[in-house]
Structure formats: C-alpha cells, structure tokens
C-alpha cells in the first residue's frame, strides 16, 4: 500500500474514532478494561459488518 493510501486510512480511522467516542457513555470509561470492552463492542457493531460487506462484494465480483 502506498503512503498516500496509508495516510487516508489513518485520517478516516481518526475521524471514525472521534465519532465513536462521541457516542460512548464517558462514565463507563473508568479503567483500561472498560475502555477495551467498549472499543471491542463498537468495532464488532459498526466496523466489522462494513468490512464483511466489502469482502463479500469482492467475492461476488470475482465470480
């Protein structure tokens, strides 16, 4: 992956992190374990399904 794409991904992820952080109950972020659980939950709920759709679309294009 070229440098330009890496920078774009980083920028998108930083924006996503900000959006997800806005939706978190800050009272839950009291220790490292709760932060990790929150991040995992958000990744599973919001990020992973989109990645799965991307991979599925790529498989369908190849057929």
Protein backbone atom coordinates (compact mmCIF):
# COMPACT_ATOMS: atom_id res chain seq x y z
CA UNK A 1 0.00 0.00 0.00
CA UNK A 2 1.39 3.38 -0.91
CA UNK A 3 1.98 6.21 1.55
CA UNK A 4 -0.96 8.27 0.30
CA UNK A 5 -3.43 5.43 0.94
CA UNK A 6 -1.95 4.80 4.38
CA UNK A 7 -2.41 8.46 5.29
CA UNK A 8 -6.00 8.43 4.02
CA UNK A 9 -6.80 5.32 6.07
CA UNK A 10 -5.26 6.91 9.15
CA UNK A 11 -7.31 10.08 8.65
CA UNK A 12 -10.52 8.08 8.19
CA UNK A 13 -9.82 6.00 11.28
CA UNK A 14 -9.14 9.08 13.36
CA UNK A 15 -12.44 10.56 12.24
CA UNK A 16 -14.22 7.28 13.00
CA UNK A 17 -12.62 7.12 16.43
CA UNK A 18 -13.90 10.61 17.17
CA UNK A 19 -17.42 9.74 16.06
CA UNK A 20 -17.48 6.55 18.12
CA UNK A 21 -16.09 8.36 21.17
CA UNK A 22 -18.92 10.91 20.97
CA UNK A 23 -21.43 8.06 21.37
CA UNK A 24 -19.82 6.47 24.43
CA UNK A 25 -21.08 6.89 27.96
CA UNK A 26 -17.98 8.52 29.45
CA UNK A 27 -18.88 7.12 32.88
CA UNK A 28 -18.06 3.66 31.52
CA UNK A 29 -14.51 4.65 30.61
CA UNK A 30 -13.13 4.35 34.12
CA UNK A 31 -10.32 1.86 33.55
CA UNK A 32 -8.40 0.10 30.80
CA UNK A 33 -10.64 -2.98 30.86
CA UNK A 34 -13.81 -0.95 30.30
CA UNK A 35 -12.18 1.08 27.54
CA UNK A 36 -11.10 -2.14 25.80
CA UNK A 37 -14.59 -3.65 26.13
CA UNK A 38 -16.16 -0.51 24.73
CA UNK A 39 -13.81 -0.37 21.76
CA UNK A 40 -14.34 -4.06 21.00
CA UNK A 41 -18.10 -3.69 21.18
CA UNK A 42 -18.06 -0.73 18.83
CA UNK A 43 -15.74 -2.46 16.37
CA UNK A 44 -17.96 -5.54 16.32
CA UNK A 45 -21.14 -3.49 15.98
CA UNK A 46 -20.09 -0.81 13.50
CA UNK A 47 -16.80 -1.63 11.79
CA UNK A 48 -16.74 -5.39 11.24
CA UNK A 49 -20.07 -5.58 9.39
CA UNK A 50 -18.86 -2.99 6.89
CA UNK A 51 -15.60 -4.85 6.32
CA UNK A 52 -17.54 -8.08 5.85
CA UNK A 53 -19.73 -6.42 3.20
CA UNK A 54 -16.63 -5.19 1.41
CA UNK A 55 -15.14 -8.69 1.34
CA UNK A 56 -18.43 -10.23 0.23
CA UNK A 57 -18.75 -7.75 -2.64
CA UNK A 58 -15.20 -8.57 -3.76
CA UNK A 59 -16.01 -12.29 -3.82
CA UNK A 60 -19.16 -11.68 -5.84
CA UNK A 61 -17.23 -9.55 -8.36
CA UNK A 62 -14.74 -12.37 -8.89
CA UNK A 63 -17.47 -14.87 -9.84
